[in-house]
Amino acid sequence: MGRWVKGWGRSHWIVVAVGVIALGAVAWPGVERHLKAETLFRQGDQAQRAGQFDRAIAHYQQAIALKPDDPIGYFNWGVALSKMGDQPGAIAKYRQAIALDPTHAAAHNNWGLELAASGDRAGAIRQYQRAIALKPNYAAAYYNWGNVLGRQRNWAGAIAQYRRAIELDPNYASAHNNWGLALYSQGDFDGAIAHYQQAIKLNPKSVKAYNNWSDALRAKGDLPGAKAKANQALSLTRQGAQD
């Protein structure tokens, strides 16, 4: 069974909160209130990067109480909720971000990720399509769309989305890995290996790509080669490598 790389790395992460307000440019009352909100947003982002999601949410709540019209704050709050497994809560925050900023492509993309995780694949694809309509060069949205099609065993459709993601981002190692899985699933082991090799060239610490390469070699009957790749994956895992 192949190891799919999910759409978290680039597509599901923190968008840096709005930059510090320049005092000389501020022409409205309540400057201190806005500066406090920005400080809280940054503290929330820092906590989230450190994996302290409860703390991050507390900062976002305080910041949004001071600045309730900030779509990025709601978006990052949604990301924190998602990391805690609260899919309905995350979607609610992404919807609030979109209500404040209808052009927020990342909120549509992440909404799609939550729907895909809950099994609503049609709903997920609709959100990815909306993200792409807003941001046509959104490689991660194409990649995530491909993952949904792959789960549906629509290999041709999945490959088309991975190809487009790589056209937009030639360094997209995960897209090569999952393209390889789509080819493997159709019995094209050599084609799959070529994409696993490209994934490893772009990300030499890709445990999933080495394991998938091992599976493809085993399917071809190359047991020594399969064992060698599996051992490379195991060595990377012991070193703490993560895709």
Protein backbone atom coordinates (compact mmCIF):
# COMPACT_ATOMS: atom_id res chain seq x y z
CA MET A 1 0.00 0.00 0.00
CA GLY A 2 1.56 3.27 -1.08
CA ARG A 3 2.25 6.21 1.22
CA TRP A 4 0.33 9.25 0.09
CA VAL A 5 1.64 12.64 1.01
CA LYS A 6 -1.22 14.79 2.20
CA GLY A 7 -1.66 18.47 1.50
CA TRP A 8 -0.42 19.95 4.73
CA GLY A 9 3.08 21.24 4.17
CA ARG A 10 2.60 24.22 1.89
CA SER A 11 -1.17 24.23 1.64
CA HIS A 12 -2.16 24.05 5.25
CA TRP A 13 -0.03 26.38 7.33
CA ILE A 14 0.01 29.75 8.97
CA VAL A 15 -0.33 32.89 6.95
CA VAL A 16 1.71 35.57 8.69
CA ALA A 17 -0.54 38.10 10.35
CA VAL A 18 -0.85 41.62 9.01
CA GLY A 19 2.33 43.63 9.43
CA VAL A 20 2.97 46.16 12.18
CA ILE A 21 1.09 49.40 11.64
CA ALA A 22 3.36 52.29 10.80
CA LEU A 23 2.61 55.03 13.29
CA GLY A 24 3.25 57.79 10.81
CA ALA A 25 0.57 56.42 8.47
CA VAL A 26 -2.17 55.92 11.05
CA ALA A 27 -4.95 58.46 10.73
CA TRP A 28 -7.60 56.96 13.02
CA PRO A 29 -8.16 56.82 16.77
CA GLY A 30 -7.38 53.69 18.75
CA VAL A 31 -3.82 53.17 17.48
CA GLU A 32 -2.88 51.37 20.66
CA ARG A 33 -5.80 48.95 20.20
CA HIS A 34 -4.62 48.02 16.71
CA LEU A 35 -1.01 47.64 17.78
CA LYS A 36 -2.08 45.35 20.64
CA ALA A 37 -4.11 43.25 18.20
CA GLU A 38 -1.13 42.90 15.86
CA THR A 39 1.08 41.84 18.77
CA LEU A 40 -1.44 39.19 19.78
CA PHE A 41 -1.72 37.92 16.20
CA ARG A 42 2.06 37.51 16.03
CA GLN A 43 2.11 35.75 19.37
CA GLY A 44 -0.58 33.40 18.11
CA ASP A 45 1.43 32.63 14.97
CA GLN A 46 4.55 31.96 17.04
CA ALA A 47 2.65 29.65 19.39
CA GLN A 48 1.16 27.78 16.46
CA ARG A 49 4.55 27.22 14.86
CA ALA A 50 5.70 25.82 18.19
CA GLY A 51 2.76 23.40 18.22
CA GLN A 52 1.07 25.20 21.12
CA PHE A 53 -2.37 25.31 19.55
CA ASP A 54 -4.41 26.07 22.67
CA ARG A 55 -2.16 29.03 23.37
CA ALA A 56 -2.34 30.16 19.75
CA ILE A 57 -6.14 30.11 19.82
CA ALA A 58 -6.20 32.14 23.03
CA HIS A 59 -4.06 34.80 21.36
CA TYR A 60 -6.23 34.84 18.23
CA GLN A 61 -9.39 35.19 20.30
CA GLN A 62 -7.95 38.17 22.15
CA ALA A 63 -6.66 39.73 18.93
CA ILE A 64 -9.95 39.36 17.09
CA ALA A 65 -11.83 40.87 20.04
CA LEU A 66 -9.72 43.97 19.37
CA LYS A 67 -9.76 43.71 15.57
CA PRO A 68 -12.83 41.71 14.48
CA ASP A 69 -12.45 42.50 10.77
CA ASP A 70 -9.13 40.66 10.26
CA PRO A 71 -9.59 37.70 7.86
CA ILE A 72 -6.05 36.38 8.36
CA GLY A 73 -6.68 36.13 12.10
CA TYR A 74 -9.74 33.98 11.51
CA PHE A 75 -7.82 31.88 8.96
CA ASN A 76 -4.96 31.17 11.34
CA TRP A 77 -7.43 30.40 14.12
CA GLY A 78 -8.98 27.87 11.75
CA VAL A 79 -5.59 26.27 11.11
CA ALA A 80 -5.03 25.87 14.85
CA LEU A 81 -8.45 24.27 15.28
CA SER A 82 -7.71 21.92 12.39
CA LYS A 83 -4.47 20.80 14.01
CA MET A 84 -6.46 20.01 17.15
CA GLY A 85 -8.89 17.87 15.14
CA ASP A 86 -11.83 20.28 15.34
CA GLN A 87 -13.00 20.12 11.72
CA PRO A 88 -16.35 21.94 12.20
CA GLY A 89 -14.63 24.67 14.19
CA ALA A 90 -11.92 25.06 11.56
CA ILE A 91 -14.46 25.31 8.74
CA ALA A 92 -16.41 27.93 10.69
CA LYS A 93 -13.28 30.09 10.94
CA TYR A 94 -12.43 29.65 7.26
CA ARG A 95 -15.97 30.74 6.41
CA GLN A 96 -15.56 33.83 8.58
CA ALA A 97 -12.28 34.62 6.84
CA ILE A 98 -13.99 34.33 3.45
CA ALA A 99 -16.92 36.49 4.59
CA LEU A 100 -14.42 39.24 5.44
CA ASP A 101 -12.25 38.64 2.37
CA PRO A 102 -14.06 36.87 -0.52
CA THR A 103 -10.73 36.59 -2.38
CA HIS A 104 -9.11 34.46 0.36
CA ALA A 105 -8.04 31.49 -1.77
CA ALA A 106 -6.16 29.77 1.07
CA ALA A 107 -9.32 29.66 3.19
CA HIS A 108 -11.15 27.85 0.39
CA ASN A 109 -8.22 25.44 0.00
CA ASN A 110 -8.14 24.63 3.70
CA TRP A 111 -11.91 24.30 3.84
CA GLY A 112 -11.46 21.72 1.09
CA LEU A 113 -8.89 19.86 3.17
CA GLU A 114 -11.34 19.59 6.07
CA LEU A 115 -14.12 18.34 3.80
CA ALA A 116 -11.79 15.77 2.22
CA ALA A 117 -10.76 14.52 5.65
CA SER A 118 -14.41 14.09 6.61
CA GLY A 119 -15.16 12.13 3.42
CA ASP A 120 -16.99 14.88 1.52
CA ARG A 121 -14.89 14.59 -1.60
CA ALA A 122 -17.29 16.41 -3.90
CA GLY A 123 -17.45 19.31 -1.46
CA ALA A 124 -13.66 19.33 -1.17
CA ILE A 125 -13.23 19.54 -4.95
CA ARG A 126 -15.66 22.47 -5.10
CA GLN A 127 -13.54 24.36 -2.57
CA TYR A 128 -10.30 23.61 -4.44
CA GLN A 129 -11.91 24.82 -7.65
CA ARG A 130 -12.98 28.04 -5.94
CA ALA A 131 -9.45 28.51 -4.61
CA ILE A 132 -8.04 28.07 -8.11
CA ALA A 133 -10.61 30.44 -9.60
CA LEU A 134 -9.34 33.08 -7.17
CA LYS A 135 -5.67 32.16 -7.59
CA PRO A 136 -5.02 30.32 -10.88
CA ASN A 137 -1.38 29.60 -10.01
CA TYR A 138 -2.29 27.86 -6.71
CA ALA A 139 -0.19 24.71 -7.01
CA ALA A 140 -1.26 23.31 -3.62
CA ALA A 141 -4.94 23.46 -4.55
CA TYR A 142 -4.28 21.46 -7.72
CA TYR A 143 -2.27 18.98 -5.65
CA ASN A 144 -5.01 18.59 -3.07
CA TRP A 145 -7.59 18.16 -5.84
CA GLY A 146 -5.39 15.42 -7.27
CA ASN A 147 -5.30 13.68 -3.90
CA VAL A 148 -9.10 13.56 -3.77
CA LEU A 149 -9.26 12.12 -7.28
CA GLY A 150 -6.61 9.59 -6.30
CA ARG A 151 -8.74 8.46 -3.35
CA GLN A 152 -11.55 7.98 -5.87
CA ARG A 153 -9.19 5.88 -8.01
CA ASN A 154 -9.54 8.39 -10.83
CA TRP A 155 -5.91 7.98 -11.77
CA ALA A 156 -6.00 9.96 -14.99
CA GLY A 157 -7.70 12.86 -13.26
CA ALA A 158 -5.28 12.75 -10.34
CA ILE A 159 -2.26 12.73 -12.64
CA ALA A 160 -3.63 15.72 -14.55
CA GLN A 161 -3.83 17.72 -11.32
CA TYR A 162 -0.36 16.64 -10.16
CA ARG A 163 1.06 17.58 -13.55
CA ARG A 164 -0.50 21.03 -13.28
CA ALA A 165 0.80 21.46 -9.72
CA ILE A 166 4.33 20.62 -10.88
CA GLU A 167 4.06 22.97 -13.85
CA LEU A 168 3.31 25.74 -11.38
CA ASP A 169 5.87 24.57 -8.81
CA PRO A 170 8.65 22.43 -10.33
CA ASN A 171 10.01 21.68 -6.84
CA TYR A 172 6.81 20.02 -5.64
CA ALA A 173 8.26 16.75 -4.34
CA SER A 174 4.99 15.50 -2.85
CA ALA A 175 3.23 15.88 -6.19
CA HIS A 176 5.88 13.66 -7.81
CA ASN A 177 5.45 11.07 -5.03
CA ASN A 178 1.69 10.93 -5.44
CA TRP A 179 1.92 10.93 -9.24
CA GLY A 180 4.15 7.89 -8.80
CA LEU A 181 1.50 6.22 -6.66
CA ALA A 182 -1.12 6.82 -9.34
CA LEU A 183 1.14 5.15 -11.91
CA TYR A 184 1.95 2.29 -9.52
CA SER A 185 -1.75 1.70 -8.99
CA GLN A 186 -2.11 1.22 -12.75
CA GLY A 187 0.80 -1.24 -12.93
CA ASP A 188 3.30 1.22 -14.41
CA PHE A 189 6.09 0.44 -11.98
CA ASP A 190 8.91 1.97 -14.02
CA GLY A 191 6.95 5.20 -14.45
CA ALA A 192 6.22 5.24 -10.73
CA ILE A 193 9.90 4.76 -9.87
CA ALA A 194 10.87 7.68 -12.10
CA HIS A 195 8.58 9.96 -10.08
CA TYR A 196 9.76 8.58 -6.74
CA GLN A 197 13.33 9.29 -7.84
CA GLN A 198 12.37 12.84 -8.77
CA ALA A 199 10.63 13.27 -5.41
CA ILE A 200 13.80 12.16 -3.62
CA LYS A 201 15.96 14.43 -5.78
CA LEU A 202 13.81 17.34 -4.59
CA ASN A 203 13.48 16.05 -1.03
CA PRO A 204 16.30 13.63 -0.15
CA LYS A 205 14.69 12.90 3.23
CA SER A 206 11.36 11.71 1.85
CA VAL A 207 10.65 8.52 3.78
CA LYS A 208 7.43 7.96 1.85
CA ALA A 209 9.16 8.16 -1.52
CA TYR A 210 11.81 5.62 -0.49
CA ASN A 211 9.15 3.26 0.86
CA ASN A 212 7.10 3.63 -2.30
CA TRP A 213 10.18 3.03 -4.44
CA SER A 214 10.75 -0.13 -2.40
CA ASP A 215 7.18 -1.28 -3.10
CA ALA A 216 7.61 -0.70 -6.83
CA LEU A 217 10.87 -2.66 -6.93
CA ARG A 218 9.23 -5.51 -5.01
CA ALA A 219 6.38 -5.51 -7.54
CA LYS A 220 8.98 -5.82 -10.31
CA GLY A 221 10.57 -8.78 -8.52
CA ASP A 222 13.72 -6.91 -7.48
CA LEU A 223 13.77 -8.02 -3.86
CA PRO A 224 17.36 -6.92 -3.06
CA GLY A 225 16.65 -3.48 -4.48
CA ALA A 226 13.40 -3.28 -2.56
CA LYS A 227 15.18 -4.17 0.67
CA ALA A 228 17.84 -1.52 0.04
CA LYS A 229 15.25 1.23 -0.42
CA ALA A 230 13.28 0.08 2.60
CA ASN A 231 16.47 0.24 4.66
CA GLN A 232 17.11 3.79 3.42
CA ALA A 233 13.60 4.74 4.52
CA LEU A 234 14.17 3.13 7.91
CA SER A 235 17.48 4.95 8.34
CA LEU A 236 15.83 8.29 7.58
CA THR A 237 13.03 7.52 10.02
CA ARG A 238 15.54 6.80 12.76
CA GLN A 239 17.18 10.14 12.00
CA GLY A 240 13.84 11.84 12.57
CA ALA A 241 13.09 12.65 8.93
CA GLN A 242 9.51 13.58 8.13
CA ASP A 243 7.77 14.23 4.81
